[in-house]
Amino acid sequence: MAGGLLRAAPDLDAVFCGNDQIARGVADTVREAGKRVPEDIALVGFDNWEVIAAACRPSLTTVDMNLRELGRTAGEELLSAIEGRPSSGLRRLPCSLVLRESSRPRQSQGQPVSA
């Protein structure tokens, strides 16, 4: 799938993946195509699966959905509903971008880009 994407869009400079496992496969495909992450193609995953993100070469920038807190909150809501105290509405929990090597800024005229 990633190979088809690279063939269809040869000037592609970034890929955002639905999870870290897919991003790991994309990183391998990018390397096999003779391109470099992040120099040629920046790469970002989703879910911050530490085992995958840290083992990816280069290490994977990813969105951390704070799944532990999400699970805890869901469990508390479920127990409250079972006890007759259901809630309604939308709950939002914070997530964060975990910056790692796969999305370093590009170099601009030989000088590092500052953030």
PDB file of N, CA and C in Angstrom:
ATOM      1  N   MET A   1       0.816  -1.180   0.000  1.00  0.00           N
ATOM      2  CA  MET A   1       0.000   0.000   0.000  1.00  0.00           C
ATOM      3  C   MET A   1       0.874   1.264   0.000  1.00  0.00           C
ATOM      4  N   ALA A   2       1.871   1.316   0.861  1.00  0.00           N
ATOM      5  CA  ALA A   2       2.757   2.486   0.915  1.00  0.00           C
ATOM      6  C   ALA A   2       3.563   2.606  -0.374  1.00  0.00           C
ATOM      7  N   GLY A   3       3.918   1.479  -0.965  1.00  0.00           N
ATOM      8  CA  GLY A   3       4.642   1.517  -2.231  1.00  0.00           C
ATOM      9  C   GLY A   3       3.812   2.164  -3.320  1.00  0.00           C
ATOM     10  N   GLY A   4       2.524   1.842  -3.364  1.00  0.00           N
ATOM     11  CA  GLY A   4       1.624   2.466  -4.326  1.00  0.00           C
ATOM     12  C   GLY A   4       1.506   3.954  -4.093  1.00  0.00           C
ATOM     13  N   LEU A   5       1.465   4.347  -2.838  1.00  0.00           N
ATOM     14  CA  LEU A   5       1.401   5.771  -2.493  1.00  0.00           C
ATOM     15  C   LEU A   5       2.650   6.494  -2.980  1.00  0.00           C
ATOM     16  N   LEU A   6       3.814   5.898  -2.780  1.00  0.00           N
ATOM     17  CA  LEU A   6       5.067   6.509  -3.230  1.00  0.00           C
ATOM     18  C   LEU A   6       5.126   6.605  -4.751  1.00  0.00           C
ATOM     19  N   ARG A   7       4.593   5.593  -5.460  1.00  0.00           N
ATOM     20  CA  ARG A   7       4.577   5.640  -6.925  1.00  0.00           C
ATOM     21  C   ARG A   7       3.582   6.683  -7.431  1.00  0.00           C
ATOM     22  N   ALA A   8       2.434   6.789  -6.759  1.00  0.00           N
ATOM     23  CA  ALA A   8       1.387   7.718  -7.205  1.00  0.00           C
ATOM     24  C   ALA A   8       1.741   9.164  -6.905  1.00  0.00           C
ATOM     25  N   ALA A   9       2.524   9.392  -5.879  1.00  0.00           N
ATOM     26  CA  ALA A   9       2.883  10.763  -5.473  1.00  0.00           C
ATOM     27  C   ALA A   9       4.392  10.833  -5.238  1.00  0.00           C
ATOM     28  N   PRO A  10       5.185  10.868  -6.300  1.00  0.00           N
ATOM     29  CA  PRO A  10       6.645  10.835  -6.143  1.00  0.00           C
ATOM     30  C   PRO A  10       7.217  12.020  -5.370  1.00  0.00           C
ATOM     31  N   ASP A  11       6.493  13.135  -5.300  1.00  0.00           N
ATOM     32  CA  ASP A  11       6.972  14.300  -4.556  1.00  0.00           C
ATOM     33  C   ASP A  11       6.458  14.317  -3.116  1.00  0.00           C
ATOM     34  N   LEU A  12       5.853  13.251  -2.686  1.00  0.00           N
ATOM     35  CA  LEU A  12       5.323  13.134  -1.326  1.00  0.00           C
ATOM     36  C   LEU A  12       6.410  13.481  -0.311  1.00  0.00           C
ATOM     37  N   ASP A  13       6.081  14.329   0.676  1.00  0.00           N
ATOM     38  CA  ASP A  13       7.104  14.686   1.666  1.00  0.00           C
ATOM     39  C   ASP A  13       6.695  14.374   3.100  1.00  0.00           C
ATOM     40  N   ALA A  14       5.490  13.834   3.302  1.00  0.00           N
ATOM     41  CA  ALA A  14       5.076  13.468   4.659  1.00  0.00           C
ATOM     42  C   ALA A  14       3.936  12.461   4.594  1.00  0.00           C
ATOM     43  N   VAL A  15       3.885  11.585   5.610  1.00  0.00           N
ATOM     44  CA  VAL A  15       2.807  10.606   5.731  1.00  0.00           C
ATOM     45  C   VAL A  15       2.365  10.569   7.181  1.00  0.00           C
ATOM     46  N   PHE A  16       1.049  10.654   7.395  1.00  0.00           N
ATOM     47  CA  PHE A  16       0.448  10.490   8.718  1.00  0.00           C
ATOM     48  C   PHE A  16      -0.319   9.185   8.691  1.00  0.00           C
ATOM     49  N   CYS A  17       0.004   8.272   9.606  1.00  0.00           N
ATOM     50  CA  CYS A  17      -0.580   6.933   9.600  1.00  0.00           C
ATOM     51  C   CYS A  17      -1.599   6.761  10.718  1.00  0.00           C
ATOM     52  N   GLY A  18      -2.553   5.875  10.502  1.00  0.00           N
ATOM     53  CA  GLY A  18      -3.617   5.625  11.464  1.00  0.00           C
ATOM     54  C   GLY A  18      -3.163   4.939  12.729  1.00  0.00           C
ATOM     55  N   ASN A  19      -2.003   4.299  12.713  1.00  0.00           N
ATOM     56  CA  ASN A  19      -1.426   3.748  13.941  1.00  0.00           C
ATOM     57  C   ASN A  19       0.079   3.554  13.751  1.00  0.00           C
ATOM     58  N   ASP A  20       0.745   3.273  14.840  1.00  0.00           N
ATOM     59  CA  ASP A  20       2.204   3.160  14.808  1.00  0.00           C
ATOM     60  C   ASP A  20       2.679   1.930  14.044  1.00  0.00           C
ATOM     61  N   GLN A  21       1.904   0.860  14.076  1.00  0.00           N
ATOM     62  CA  GLN A  21       2.300  -0.355  13.365  1.00  0.00           C
ATOM     63  C   GLN A  21       2.316  -0.100  11.852  1.00  0.00           C
ATOM     64  N   ILE A  22       1.314   0.603  11.354  1.00  0.00           N
ATOM     65  CA  ILE A  22       1.297   0.967   9.935  1.00  0.00           C
ATOM     66  C   ILE A  22       2.487   1.872   9.622  1.00  0.00           C
ATOM     67  N   ALA A  23       2.753   2.847  10.494  1.00  0.00           N
ATOM     68  CA  ALA A  23       3.869   3.770  10.277  1.00  0.00           C
ATOM     69  C   ALA A  23       5.191   3.022  10.212  1.00  0.00           C
ATOM     70  N   ARG A  24       5.349   2.000  11.027  1.00  0.00           N
ATOM     71  CA  ARG A  24       6.576   1.197  10.991  1.00  0.00           C
ATOM     72  C   ARG A  24       6.740   0.551   9.624  1.00  0.00           C
ATOM     73  N   GLY A  25       5.657   0.021   9.082  1.00  0.00           N
ATOM     74  CA  GLY A  25       5.701  -0.568   7.741  1.00  0.00           C
ATOM     75  C   GLY A  25       5.999   0.467   6.668  1.00  0.00           C
ATOM     76  N   VAL A  26       5.431   1.656   6.813  1.00  0.00           N
ATOM     77  CA  VAL A  26       5.705   2.736   5.860  1.00  0.00           C
ATOM     78  C   VAL A  26       7.182   3.114   5.914  1.00  0.00           C
ATOM     79  N   ALA A  27       7.750   3.196   7.106  1.00  0.00           N
ATOM     80  CA  ALA A  27       9.177   3.523   7.240  1.00  0.00           C
ATOM     81  C   ALA A  27      10.033   2.504   6.482  1.00  0.00           C
ATOM     82  N   ASP A  28       9.699   1.224   6.615  1.00  0.00           N
ATOM     83  CA  ASP A  28      10.444   0.182   5.900  1.00  0.00           C
ATOM     84  C   ASP A  28      10.300   0.343   4.390  1.00  0.00           C
ATOM     85  N   THR A  29       9.074   0.621   3.936  1.00  0.00           N
ATOM     86  CA  THR A  29       8.811   0.788   2.504  1.00  0.00           C
ATOM     87  C   THR A  29       9.542   2.011   1.949  1.00  0.00           C
ATOM     88  N   VAL A  30       9.560   3.084   2.719  1.00  0.00           N
ATOM     89  CA  VAL A  30      10.271   4.298   2.288  1.00  0.00           C
ATOM     90  C   VAL A  30      11.756   3.988   2.109  1.00  0.00           C
ATOM     91  N   ARG A  31      12.347   3.282   3.063  1.00  0.00           N
ATOM     92  CA  ARG A  31      13.768   2.915   2.957  1.00  0.00           C
ATOM     93  C   ARG A  31      14.011   2.023   1.739  1.00  0.00           C
ATOM     94  N   GLU A  32      13.126   1.037   1.533  1.00  0.00           N
ATOM     95  CA  GLU A  32      13.276   0.125   0.395  1.00  0.00           C
ATOM     96  C   GLU A  32      13.170   0.864  -0.935  1.00  0.00           C
ATOM     97  N   ALA A  33      12.452   1.992  -0.950  1.00  0.00           N
ATOM     98  CA  ALA A  33      12.307   2.811  -2.157  1.00  0.00           C
ATOM     99  C   ALA A  33      13.497   3.751  -2.350  1.00  0.00           C
ATOM    100  N   GLY A  34      14.485   3.675  -1.449  1.00  0.00           N
ATOM    101  CA  GLY A  34      15.680   4.504  -1.578  1.00  0.00           C
ATOM    102  C   GLY A  34      15.515   5.915  -1.035  1.00  0.00           C
ATOM    103  N   LYS A  35      14.473   6.129  -0.240  1.00  0.00           N
ATOM    104  CA  LYS A  35      14.265   7.442   0.366  1.00  0.00           C
ATOM    105  C   LYS A  35      14.575   7.362   1.853  1.00  0.00           C
ATOM    106  N   ARG A  36      14.724   8.558   2.460  1.00  0.00           N
ATOM    107  CA  ARG A  36      15.102   8.610   3.869  1.00  0.00           C
ATOM    108  C   ARG A  36      14.000   9.269   4.701  1.00  0.00           C
ATOM    109  N   VAL A  37      13.822   8.736   5.902  1.00  0.00           N
ATOM    110  CA  VAL A  37      12.923   9.328   6.903  1.00  0.00           C
ATOM    111  C   VAL A  37      13.813   9.992   7.938  1.00  0.00           C
ATOM    112  N   PRO A  38      13.664  11.237   8.228  1.00  0.00           N
ATOM    113  CA  PRO A  38      12.687  12.219   7.775  1.00  0.00           C
ATOM    114  C   PRO A  38      13.208  13.133   6.670  1.00  0.00           C
ATOM    115  N   GLU A  39      14.441  12.925   6.218  1.00  0.00           N
ATOM    116  CA  GLU A  39      15.039  13.863   5.257  1.00  0.00           C
ATOM    117  C   GLU A  39      14.205  14.005   3.987  1.00  0.00           C
ATOM    118  N   ASP A  40      13.688  12.899   3.466  1.00  0.00           N
ATOM    119  CA  ASP A  40      12.881  12.933   2.246  1.00  0.00           C
ATOM    120  C   ASP A  40      11.381  12.899   2.553  1.00  0.00           C
ATOM    121  N   ILE A  41      11.017  12.080   3.517  1.00  0.00           N
ATOM    122  CA  ILE A  41       9.604  11.927   3.885  1.00  0.00           C
ATOM    123  C   ILE A  41       9.487  11.897   5.401  1.00  0.00           C
ATOM    124  N   ALA A  42       8.777  12.876   5.946  1.00  0.00           N
ATOM    125  CA  ALA A  42       8.497  12.879   7.389  1.00  0.00           C
ATOM    126  C   ALA A  42       7.404  11.849   7.655  1.00  0.00           C
ATOM    127  N   LEU A  43       7.423  11.261   8.846  1.00  0.00           N
ATOM    128  CA  LEU A  43       6.498  10.190   9.169  1.00  0.00           C
ATOM    129  C   LEU A  43       5.963  10.366  10.584  1.00  0.00           C
ATOM    130  N   VAL A  44       4.633  10.248  10.728  1.00  0.00           N
ATOM    131  CA  VAL A  44       3.987  10.363  12.032  1.00  0.00           C
ATOM    132  C   VAL A  44       2.998   9.218  12.181  1.00  0.00           C
ATOM    133  N   GLY A  45       3.019   8.586  13.346  1.00  0.00           N
ATOM    134  CA  GLY A  45       2.074   7.520  13.660  1.00  0.00           C
ATOM    135  C   GLY A  45       0.997   8.013  14.606  1.00  0.00           C
ATOM    136  N   PHE A  46       0.219   7.064  15.116  1.00  0.00           N
ATOM    137  CA  PHE A  46      -0.894   7.410  15.988  1.00  0.00           C
ATOM    138  C   PHE A  46      -1.098   6.287  16.978  1.00  0.00           C
ATOM    139  N   ASP A  47      -0.977   6.555  18.225  1.00  0.00           N
ATOM    140  CA  ASP A  47      -1.299   5.721  19.390  1.00  0.00           C
ATOM    141  C   ASP A  47      -0.147   5.571  20.371  1.00  0.00           C
ATOM    142  N   ASN A  48       1.046   5.965  19.969  1.00  0.00           N
ATOM    143  CA  ASN A  48       2.226   5.906  20.839  1.00  0.00           C
ATOM    144  C   ASN A  48       2.425   4.529  21.450  1.00  0.00           C
ATOM    145  N   TRP A  49       2.398   3.515  20.615  1.00  0.00           N
ATOM    146  CA  TRP A  49       2.716   2.158  21.050  1.00  0.00           C
ATOM    147  C   TRP A  49       4.230   2.126  21.193  1.00  0.00           C
ATOM    148  N   GLU A  50       4.684   2.324  22.422  1.00  0.00           N
ATOM    149  CA  GLU A  50       6.106   2.546  22.720  1.00  0.00           C
ATOM    150  C   GLU A  50       7.025   1.495  22.097  1.00  0.00           C
ATOM    151  N   VAL A  51       6.640   0.236  22.137  1.00  0.00           N
ATOM    152  CA  VAL A  51       7.491  -0.826  21.598  1.00  0.00           C
ATOM    153  C   VAL A  51       7.745  -0.607  20.116  1.00  0.00           C
ATOM    154  N   ILE A  52       6.715  -0.235  19.390  1.00  0.00           N
ATOM    155  CA  ILE A  52       6.847   0.006  17.948  1.00  0.00           C
ATOM    156  C   ILE A  52       7.552   1.337  17.689  1.00  0.00           C
ATOM    157  N   ALA A  53       7.112   2.395  18.366  1.00  0.00           N
ATOM    158  CA  ALA A  53       7.645   3.741  18.125  1.00  0.00           C
ATOM    159  C   ALA A  53       9.139   3.821  18.418  1.00  0.00           C
ATOM    160  N   ALA A  54       9.570   3.208  19.502  1.00  0.00           N
ATOM    161  CA  ALA A  54      10.985   3.269  19.870  1.00  0.00           C
ATOM    162  C   ALA A  54      11.841   2.372  18.985  1.00  0.00           C
ATOM    163  N   ALA A  55      11.287   1.254  18.505  1.00  0.00           N
ATOM    164  CA  ALA A  55      12.055   0.317  17.684  1.00  0.00           C
ATOM    165  C   ALA A  55      12.147   0.761  16.228  1.00  0.00           C
ATOM    166  N   CYS A  56      11.256   1.640  15.804  1.00  0.00           N
ATOM    167  CA  CYS A  56      11.273   2.147  14.436  1.00  0.00           C
ATOM    168  C   CYS A  56      12.571   2.921  14.221  1.00  0.00           C
ATOM    169  N   ARG A  57      13.155   2.809  13.026  1.00  0.00           N
ATOM    170  CA  ARG A  57      14.362   3.559  12.709  1.00  0.00           C
ATOM    171  C   ARG A  57      14.085   4.486  11.562  1.00  0.00           C
ATOM    172  N   PRO A  58      14.136   5.793  11.760  1.00  0.00           N
ATOM    173  CA  PRO A  58      14.360   6.472  13.035  1.00  0.00           C
ATOM    174  C   PRO A  58      13.155   6.344  13.954  1.00  0.00           C
ATOM    175  N   SER A  59      13.357   6.669  15.220  1.00  0.00           N
ATOM    176  CA  SER A  59      12.257   6.556  16.176  1.00  0.00           C
ATOM    177  C   SER A  59      11.077   7.398  15.703  1.00  0.00           C
ATOM    178  N   LEU A  60       9.875   6.921  16.012  1.00  0.00           N
ATOM    179  CA  LEU A  60       8.655   7.427  15.394  1.00  0.00           C
ATOM    180  C   LEU A  60       7.974   8.534  16.192  1.00  0.00           C
ATOM    181  N   THR A  61       7.750   9.668  15.546  1.00  0.00           N
ATOM    182  CA  THR A  61       6.878  10.708  16.094  1.00  0.00           C
ATOM    183  C   THR A  61       5.461  10.154  16.044  1.00  0.00           C
ATOM    184  N   THR A  62       4.694  10.368  17.114  1.00  0.00           N
ATOM    185  CA  THR A  62       3.367   9.764  17.180  1.00  0.00           C
ATOM    186  C   THR A  62       2.427  10.569  18.078  1.00  0.00           C
ATOM    187  N   VAL A  63       1.151  10.384  17.875  1.00  0.00           N
ATOM    188  CA  VAL A  63       0.144  11.006  18.724  1.00  0.00           C
ATOM    189  C   VAL A  63      -0.166  10.050  19.868  1.00  0.00           C
ATOM    190  N   ASP A  64      -0.011  10.528  21.092  1.00  0.00           N
ATOM    191  CA  ASP A  64      -0.315   9.741  22.286  1.00  0.00           C
ATOM    192  C   ASP A  64      -1.728  10.085  22.728  1.00  0.00           C
ATOM    193  N   MET A  65      -2.633   9.124  22.624  1.00  0.00           N
ATOM    194  CA  MET A  65      -4.039   9.351  22.950  1.00  0.00           C
ATOM    195  C   MET A  65      -4.328   9.233  24.438  1.00  0.00           C
ATOM    196  N   ASN A  66      -3.297   9.055  25.257  1.00  0.00           N
ATOM    197  CA  ASN A  66      -3.498   8.963  26.700  1.00  0.00           C
ATOM    198  C   ASN A  66      -4.463   7.815  27.015  1.00  0.00           C
ATOM    199  N   LEU A  67      -4.185   6.651  26.442  1.00  0.00           N
ATOM    200  CA  LEU A  67      -5.102   5.525  26.524  1.00  0.00           C
ATOM    201  C   LEU A  67      -5.332   5.026  27.946  1.00  0.00           C
ATOM    202  N   ARG A  68      -4.344   5.133  28.800  1.00  0.00           N
ATOM    203  CA  ARG A  68      -4.538   4.696  30.189  1.00  0.00           C
ATOM    204  C   ARG A  68      -5.631   5.531  30.857  1.00  0.00           C
ATOM    205  N   GLU A  69      -5.563   6.849  30.696  1.00  0.00           N
ATOM    206  CA  GLU A  69      -6.578   7.736  31.261  1.00  0.00           C
ATOM    207  C   GLU A  69      -7.925   7.531  30.584  1.00  0.00           C
ATOM    208  N   LEU A  70      -7.908   7.307  29.297  1.00  0.00           N
ATOM    209  CA  LEU A  70      -9.140   7.044  28.555  1.00  0.00           C
ATOM    210  C   LEU A  70      -9.826   5.783  29.085  1.00  0.00           C
ATOM    211  N   GLY A  71      -9.063   4.735  29.308  1.00  0.00           N
ATOM    212  CA  GLY A  71      -9.611   3.488  29.848  1.00  0.00           C
ATOM    213  C   GLY A  71     -10.132   3.662  31.267  1.00  0.00           C
ATOM    214  N   ARG A  72      -9.364   4.387  32.086  1.00  0.00           N
ATOM    215  CA  ARG A  72      -9.798   4.625  33.463  1.00  0.00           C
ATOM    216  C   ARG A  72     -11.116   5.390  33.487  1.00  0.00           C
ATOM    217  N   THR A  73     -11.196   6.433  32.674  1.00  0.00           N
ATOM    218  CA  THR A  73     -12.412   7.250  32.618  1.00  0.00           C
ATOM    219  C   THR A  73     -13.595   6.428  32.110  1.00  0.00           C
ATOM    220  N   ALA A  74     -13.375   5.627  31.083  1.00  0.00           N
ATOM    221  CA  ALA A  74     -14.449   4.780  30.555  1.00  0.00           C
ATOM    222  C   ALA A  74     -14.925   3.792  31.611  1.00  0.00           C
ATOM    223  N   GLY A  75     -13.992   3.194  32.360  1.00  0.00           N
ATOM    224  CA  GLY A  75     -14.361   2.263  33.426  1.00  0.00           C
ATOM    225  C   GLY A  75     -15.174   2.940  34.514  1.00  0.00           C
ATOM    226  N   GLU A  76     -14.761   4.137  34.913  1.00  0.00           N
ATOM    227  CA  GLU A  76     -15.508   4.874  35.939  1.00  0.00           C
ATOM    228  C   GLU A  76     -16.916   5.224  35.461  1.00  0.00           C
ATOM    229  N   GLU A  77     -17.030   5.645  34.208  1.00  0.00           N
ATOM    230  CA  GLU A  77     -18.342   5.969  33.636  1.00  0.00           C
ATOM    231  C   GLU A  77     -19.235   4.729  33.599  1.00  0.00           C
ATOM    232  N   LEU A  78     -18.671   3.590  33.232  1.00  0.00           N
ATOM    233  CA  LEU A  78     -19.427   2.346  33.185  1.00  0.00           C
ATOM    234  C   LEU A  78     -19.907   1.945  34.575  1.00  0.00           C
ATOM    235  N   LEU A  79     -19.026   2.011  35.561  1.00  0.00           N
ATOM    236  CA  LEU A  79     -19.418   1.655  36.930  1.00  0.00           C
ATOM    237  C   LEU A  79     -20.489   2.595  37.455  1.00  0.00           C
ATOM    238  N   SER A  80     -20.385   3.867  37.151  1.00  0.00           N
ATOM    239  CA  SER A  80     -21.415   4.827  37.566  1.00  0.00           C
ATOM    240  C   SER A  80     -22.756   4.487  36.918  1.00  0.00           C
ATOM    241  N   ALA A  81     -22.750   4.126  35.659  1.00  0.00           N
ATOM    242  CA  ALA A  81     -23.988   3.769  34.968  1.00  0.00           C
ATOM    243  C   ALA A  81     -24.601   2.505  35.574  1.00  0.00           C
ATOM    244  N   ILE A  82     -23.760   1.536  35.898  1.00  0.00           N
ATOM    245  CA  ILE A  82     -24.247   0.301  36.522  1.00  0.00           C
ATOM    246  C   ILE A  82     -24.883   0.599  37.874  1.00  0.00           C
ATOM    247  N   GLU A  83     -24.336   1.574  38.586  1.00  0.00           N
ATOM    248  CA  GLU A  83     -24.858   1.956  39.902  1.00  0.00           C
ATOM    249  C   GLU A  83     -26.040   2.917  39.802  1.00  0.00           C
ATOM    250  N   GLY A  84     -26.547   3.143  38.588  1.00  0.00           N
ATOM    251  CA  GLY A  84     -27.721   3.985  38.421  1.00  0.00           C
ATOM    252  C   GLY A  84     -27.432   5.465  38.238  1.00  0.00           C
ATOM    253  N   ARG A  85     -26.189   5.813  37.998  1.00  0.00           N
ATOM    254  CA  ARG A  85     -25.817   7.215  37.785  1.00  0.00           C
ATOM    255  C   ARG A  85     -25.227   7.396  36.382  1.00  0.00           C
ATOM    256  N   PRO A  86     -26.083   7.185  35.353  1.00  0.00           N
ATOM    257  CA  PRO A  86     -25.542   7.339  33.995  1.00  0.00           C
ATOM    258  C   PRO A  86     -25.241   8.802  33.687  1.00  0.00           C
ATOM    259  N   SER A  87     -24.318   9.004  32.800  1.00  0.00           N
ATOM    260  CA  SER A  87     -24.004  10.364  32.355  1.00  0.00           C
ATOM    261  C   SER A  87     -24.240  10.440  30.860  1.00  0.00           C
ATOM    262  N   SER A  88     -24.373  11.640  30.379  1.00  0.00           N
ATOM    263  CA  SER A  88     -24.543  11.824  28.939  1.00  0.00           C
ATOM    264  C   SER A  88     -23.633  12.959  28.492  1.00  0.00           C
ATOM    265  N   GLY A  89     -23.560  13.129  27.221  1.00  0.00           N
ATOM    266  CA  GLY A  89     -22.731  14.203  26.696  1.00  0.00           C
ATOM    267  C   GLY A  89     -21.396  13.699  26.207  1.00  0.00           C
ATOM    268  N   LEU A  90     -20.571  14.620  25.903  1.00  0.00           N
ATOM    269  CA  LEU A  90     -19.263  14.354  25.321  1.00  0.00           C
ATOM    270  C   LEU A  90     -18.174  14.619  26.345  1.00  0.00           C
ATOM    271  N   ARG A  91     -17.249  13.673  26.491  1.00  0.00           N
ATOM    272  CA  ARG A  91     -16.084  13.881  27.359  1.00  0.00           C
ATOM    273  C   ARG A  91     -14.858  13.979  26.474  1.00  0.00           C
ATOM    274  N   ARG A  92     -14.069  14.974  26.718  1.00  0.00           N
ATOM    275  CA  ARG A  92     -12.828  15.148  25.964  1.00  0.00           C
ATOM    276  C   ARG A  92     -11.650  14.975  26.898  1.00  0.00           C
ATOM    277  N   LEU A  93     -10.697  14.191  26.444  1.00  0.00           N
ATOM    278  CA  LEU A  93      -9.474  13.979  27.211  1.00  0.00           C
ATOM    279  C   LEU A  93      -8.296  14.473  26.380  1.00  0.00           C
ATOM    280  N   PRO A  94      -7.287  14.995  27.035  1.00  0.00           N
ATOM    281  CA  PRO A  94      -6.149  15.537  26.280  1.00  0.00           C
ATOM    282  C   PRO A  94      -5.319  14.440  25.624  1.00  0.00           C
ATOM    283  N   CYS A  95      -4.769  14.777  24.490  1.00  0.00           N
ATOM    284  CA  CYS A  95      -3.790  13.915  23.838  1.00  0.00           C
ATOM    285  C   CYS A  95      -2.566  14.787  23.575  1.00  0.00           C
ATOM    286  N   SER A  96      -1.490  14.185  23.119  1.00  0.00           N
ATOM    287  CA  SER A  96      -0.278  14.972  22.885  1.00  0.00           C
ATOM    288  C   SER A  96       0.507  14.384  21.714  1.00  0.00           C
ATOM    289  N   LEU A  97       1.310  15.226  21.116  1.00  0.00           N
ATOM    290  CA  LEU A  97       2.205  14.801  20.054  1.00  0.00           C
ATOM    291  C   LEU A  97       3.556  14.492  20.688  1.00  0.00           C
ATOM    292  N   VAL A  98       4.030  13.274  20.499  1.00  0.00           N
ATOM    293  CA  VAL A  98       5.331  12.862  21.025  1.00  0.00           C
ATOM    294  C   VAL A  98       6.338  12.980  19.881  1.00  0.00           C
ATOM    295  N   LEU A  99       7.163  14.018  19.962  1.00  0.00           N
ATOM    296  CA  LEU A  99       8.134  14.275  18.893  1.00  0.00           C
ATOM    297  C   LEU A  99       9.347  13.362  19.025  1.00  0.00           C
ATOM    298  N   ARG A 100       9.621  12.653  17.952  1.00  0.00           N
ATOM    299  CA  ARG A 100      10.813  11.822  17.867  1.00  0.00           C
ATOM    300  C   ARG A 100      11.481  12.107  16.522  1.00  0.00           C
ATOM    301  N   GLU A 101      12.433  11.296  16.144  1.00  0.00           N
ATOM    302  CA  GLU A 101      13.286  11.589  14.986  1.00  0.00           C
ATOM    303  C   GLU A 101      12.592  11.534  13.628  1.00  0.00           C
ATOM    304  N   SER A 102      11.482  10.848  13.476  1.00  0.00           N
ATOM    305  CA  SER A 102      10.893  10.643  12.150  1.00  0.00           C
ATOM    306  C   SER A 102      10.243  11.889  11.557  1.00  0.00           C
ATOM    307  N   SER A 103      10.211  12.979  12.309  1.00  0.00           N
ATOM    308  CA  SER A 103       9.583  14.197  11.781  1.00  0.00           C
ATOM    309  C   SER A 103      10.429  15.437  12.013  1.00  0.00           C
ATOM    310  N   ARG A 104      11.726  15.272  12.062  1.00  0.00           N
ATOM    311  CA  ARG A 104      12.613  16.431  12.218  1.00  0.00           C
ATOM    312  C   ARG A 104      12.323  17.450  11.141  1.00  0.00           C
ATOM    313  N   PRO A 105      12.450  18.736  11.459  1.00  0.00           N
ATOM    314  CA  PRO A 105      12.250  19.765  10.428  1.00  0.00           C
ATOM    315  C   PRO A 105      13.283  19.631   9.323  1.00  0.00           C
ATOM    316  N   ARG A 106      12.878  19.994   8.115  1.00  0.00           N
ATOM    317  CA  ARG A 106      13.811  19.975   6.985  1.00  0.00           C
ATOM    318  C   ARG A 106      14.873  21.046   7.157  1.00  0.00           C
ATOM    319  N   GLN A 107      16.005  20.855   6.547  1.00  0.00           N
ATOM    320  CA  GLN A 107      17.072  21.855   6.536  1.00  0.00           C
ATOM    321  C   GLN A 107      16.720  22.924   5.510  1.00  0.00           C
ATOM    322  N   SER A 108      16.979  24.163   5.831  1.00  0.00           N
ATOM    323  CA  SER A 108      16.693  25.265   4.923  1.00  0.00           C
ATOM    324  C   SER A 108      18.007  25.938   4.540  1.00  0.00           C
ATOM    325  N   GLN A 109      18.405  25.787   3.282  1.00  0.00           N
ATOM    326  CA  GLN A 109      19.642  26.368   2.757  1.00  0.00           C
ATOM    327  C   GLN A 109      20.838  26.075   3.675  1.00  0.00           C
ATOM    328  N   GLY A 110      20.935  24.850   4.092  1.00  0.00           N
ATOM    329  CA  GLY A 110      22.072  24.444   4.911  1.00  0.00           C
ATOM    330  C   GLY A 110      21.983  24.815   6.366  1.00  0.00           C
ATOM    331  N   GLN A 111      20.946  25.533   6.766  1.00  0.00           N
ATOM    332  CA  GLN A 111      20.804  25.955   8.164  1.00  0.00           C
ATOM    333  C   GLN A 111      19.620  25.210   8.786  1.00  0.00           C
ATOM    334  N   PRO A 112      19.758  24.781  10.045  1.00  0.00           N
ATOM    335  CA  PRO A 112      18.638  24.124  10.708  1.00  0.00           C
ATOM    336  C   PRO A 112      17.456  25.076  10.843  1.00  0.00           C
ATOM    337  N   VAL A 113      16.265  24.532  10.717  1.00  0.00           N
ATOM    338  CA  VAL A 113      15.054  25.317  10.920  1.00  0.00           C
ATOM    339  C   VAL A 113      14.783  25.347  12.408  1.00  0.00           C
ATOM    340  N   SER A 114      14.576  26.533  12.978  1.00  0.00           N
ATOM    341  CA  SER A 114      14.315  26.629  14.404  1.00  0.00           C
ATOM    342  C   SER A 114      12.818  26.601  14.649  1.00  0.00           C
ATOM    343  N   ALA A 115      12.448  26.027  15.791  1.00  0.00           N
ATOM    344  CA  ALA A 115      11.024  25.909  16.139  1.00  0.00           C
ATOM    345  C   ALA A 115      10.637  26.951  17.144  1.00  0.00           C
TER     346      ALA A 115
END
